[in-house]
Amino acid sequence: MKSLIQFPYDRSAAVNYAAKWALRRNPRFYDFENIGGDCTNFASQCLLAGSGETMNFTPTMGWYYLDVNHRAPAW
C-alpha cells in the first residue's frame, strides 16, 4: 500500500474561512447552487483554507480547483 503524504493543517484558518464565507459566496469559486448545490464546494474551500492552499494534482485521486472546467470531482 502506498503511504499518504501528510501536510500541516491549520484548523483556525479553516474556521475563519467558514465564518467569513458561510452566508455568502466567495467569487473565486464557481457557484454550483443551480446545478446540485454548493455544500461540497464550500467544504472543499474550508479544507483548502486550512491546508494553506495545498492541492493535489494527481489525475485519478487528486483534489484541486483551478476553475470550473479544471477541478477534481470533489469540487
C-alpha atoms as a PDB file:
ATOM      1  CA  MET A   1       0.000   0.000   0.000  1.00  0.00           C
ATOM      2  CA  LYS A   2       1.228   3.462  -0.870  1.00  0.00           C
ATOM      3  CA  SER A   3       1.825   5.766   2.084  1.00  0.00           C
ATOM      4  CA  LEU A   4      -0.035   9.049   2.265  1.00  0.00           C
ATOM      5  CA  ILE A   5       1.805  12.338   2.345  1.00  0.00           C
ATOM      6  CA  GLN A   6       0.686  14.464   5.250  1.00  0.00           C
ATOM      7  CA  PHE A   7       0.605  18.244   5.322  1.00  0.00           C
ATOM      8  CA  PRO A   8       0.187  20.585   8.264  1.00  0.00           C
ATOM      9  CA  TYR A   9      -3.414  21.683   8.773  1.00  0.00           C
ATOM     10  CA  ASP A  10      -4.442  24.985  10.335  1.00  0.00           C
ATOM     11  CA  ARG A  11      -7.874  24.383  11.849  1.00  0.00           C
ATOM     12  CA  SER A  12      -8.303  28.022  12.851  1.00  0.00           C
ATOM     13  CA  ALA A  13      -7.710  29.142   9.247  1.00  0.00           C
ATOM     14  CA  ALA A  14     -10.480  26.778   8.111  1.00  0.00           C
ATOM     15  CA  VAL A  15     -12.822  28.049  10.838  1.00  0.00           C
ATOM     16  CA  ASN A  16     -12.050  31.676   9.953  1.00  0.00           C
ATOM     17  CA  TYR A  17     -12.735  30.957   6.283  1.00  0.00           C
ATOM     18  CA  ALA A  18     -16.033  29.268   7.149  1.00  0.00           C
ATOM     19  CA  ALA A  19     -17.093  32.186   9.338  1.00  0.00           C
ATOM     20  CA  LYS A  20     -16.288  34.689   6.586  1.00  0.00           C
ATOM     21  CA  TRP A  21     -17.980  32.855   3.713  1.00  0.00           C
ATOM     22  CA  ALA A  22     -20.781  30.820   5.337  1.00  0.00           C
ATOM     23  CA  LEU A  23     -23.543  33.268   4.424  1.00  0.00           C
ATOM     24  CA  ARG A  24     -22.220  34.467   1.077  1.00  0.00           C
ATOM     25  CA  ARG A  25     -20.336  33.013  -1.858  1.00  0.00           C
ATOM     26  CA  ASN A  26     -16.621  33.505  -2.469  1.00  0.00           C
ATOM     27  CA  PRO A  27     -16.442  34.784  -6.072  1.00  0.00           C
ATOM     28  CA  ARG A  28     -13.137  32.960  -6.521  1.00  0.00           C
ATOM     29  CA  PHE A  29     -15.123  29.713  -6.889  1.00  0.00           C
ATOM     30  CA  TYR A  30     -17.911  28.747  -9.284  1.00  0.00           C
ATOM     31  CA  ASP A  31     -21.484  28.918  -7.970  1.00  0.00           C
ATOM     32  CA  PHE A  32     -22.834  25.336  -8.053  1.00  0.00           C
ATOM     33  CA  GLU A  33     -26.139  26.286  -6.381  1.00  0.00           C
ATOM     34  CA  ASN A  34     -28.260  25.854  -9.512  1.00  0.00           C
ATOM     35  CA  ILE A  35     -26.699  22.522 -10.524  1.00  0.00           C
ATOM     36  CA  GLY A  36     -26.975  20.480  -7.363  1.00  0.00           C
ATOM     37  CA  GLY A  37     -25.750  22.682  -4.559  1.00  0.00           C
ATOM     38  CA  ASP A  38     -22.688  24.301  -3.094  1.00  0.00           C
ATOM     39  CA  CYS A  39     -22.163  22.254   0.099  1.00  0.00           C
ATOM     40  CA  THR A  40     -19.316  20.058  -1.154  1.00  0.00           C
ATOM     41  CA  ASN A  41     -17.707  23.052  -2.812  1.00  0.00           C
ATOM     42  CA  PHE A  42     -17.892  25.057   0.434  1.00  0.00           C
ATOM     43  CA  ALA A  43     -16.456  22.185   2.492  1.00  0.00           C
ATOM     44  CA  SER A  44     -13.601  21.882  -0.011  1.00  0.00           C
ATOM     45  CA  GLN A  45     -12.972  25.613   0.246  1.00  0.00           C
ATOM     46  CA  CYS A  46     -12.706  25.352   4.039  1.00  0.00           C
ATOM     47  CA  LEU A  47     -10.307  22.414   3.750  1.00  0.00           C
ATOM     48  CA  LEU A  48      -8.244  24.365   1.226  1.00  0.00           C
ATOM     49  CA  ALA A  49      -8.002  27.319   3.613  1.00  0.00           C
ATOM     50  CA  GLY A  50      -6.851  25.027   6.407  1.00  0.00           C
ATOM     51  CA  SER A  51      -4.275  23.347   4.191  1.00  0.00           C
ATOM     52  CA  GLY A  52      -2.590  26.614   3.284  1.00  0.00           C
ATOM     53  CA  GLU A  53      -3.817  26.303  -0.329  1.00  0.00           C
ATOM     54  CA  THR A  54      -2.141  22.900  -0.815  1.00  0.00           C
ATOM     55  CA  MET A  55      -3.713  20.983  -3.714  1.00  0.00           C
ATOM     56  CA  ASN A  56      -3.097  17.520  -5.138  1.00  0.00           C
ATOM     57  CA  PHE A  57      -2.998  17.489  -8.941  1.00  0.00           C
ATOM     58  CA  THR A  58      -2.789  13.685  -9.270  1.00  0.00           C
ATOM     59  CA  PRO A  59      -5.071  12.809 -12.241  1.00  0.00           C
ATOM     60  CA  THR A  60      -7.045   9.931 -10.704  1.00  0.00           C
ATOM     61  CA  MET A  61      -7.194  10.652  -6.970  1.00  0.00           C
ATOM     62  CA  GLY A  62      -6.339  14.343  -6.905  1.00  0.00           C
ATOM     63  CA  TRP A  63      -8.048  17.164  -5.087  1.00  0.00           C
ATOM     64  CA  TYR A  64      -7.701  20.536  -6.791  1.00  0.00           C
ATOM     65  CA  TYR A  65      -9.583  23.531  -8.165  1.00  0.00           C
ATOM     66  CA  LEU A  66      -8.290  25.921 -10.795  1.00  0.00           C
ATOM     67  CA  ASP A  67     -11.650  26.853 -12.300  1.00  0.00           C
ATOM     68  CA  VAL A  68     -14.992  25.195 -13.028  1.00  0.00           C
ATOM     69  CA  ASN A  69     -13.528  23.303 -16.000  1.00  0.00           C
ATOM     70  CA  HIS A  70     -10.276  22.300 -14.280  1.00  0.00           C
ATOM     71  CA  ARG A  71     -11.149  20.724 -10.952  1.00  0.00           C
ATOM     72  CA  ALA A  72     -11.353  17.394  -9.185  1.00  0.00           C
ATOM     73  CA  PRO A  73     -14.843  15.821  -8.916  1.00  0.00           C
ATOM     74  CA  ALA A  74     -14.968  16.614  -5.174  1.00  0.00           C
ATOM     75  CA  TRP A  75     -15.394  20.275  -6.045  1.00  0.00           C
END
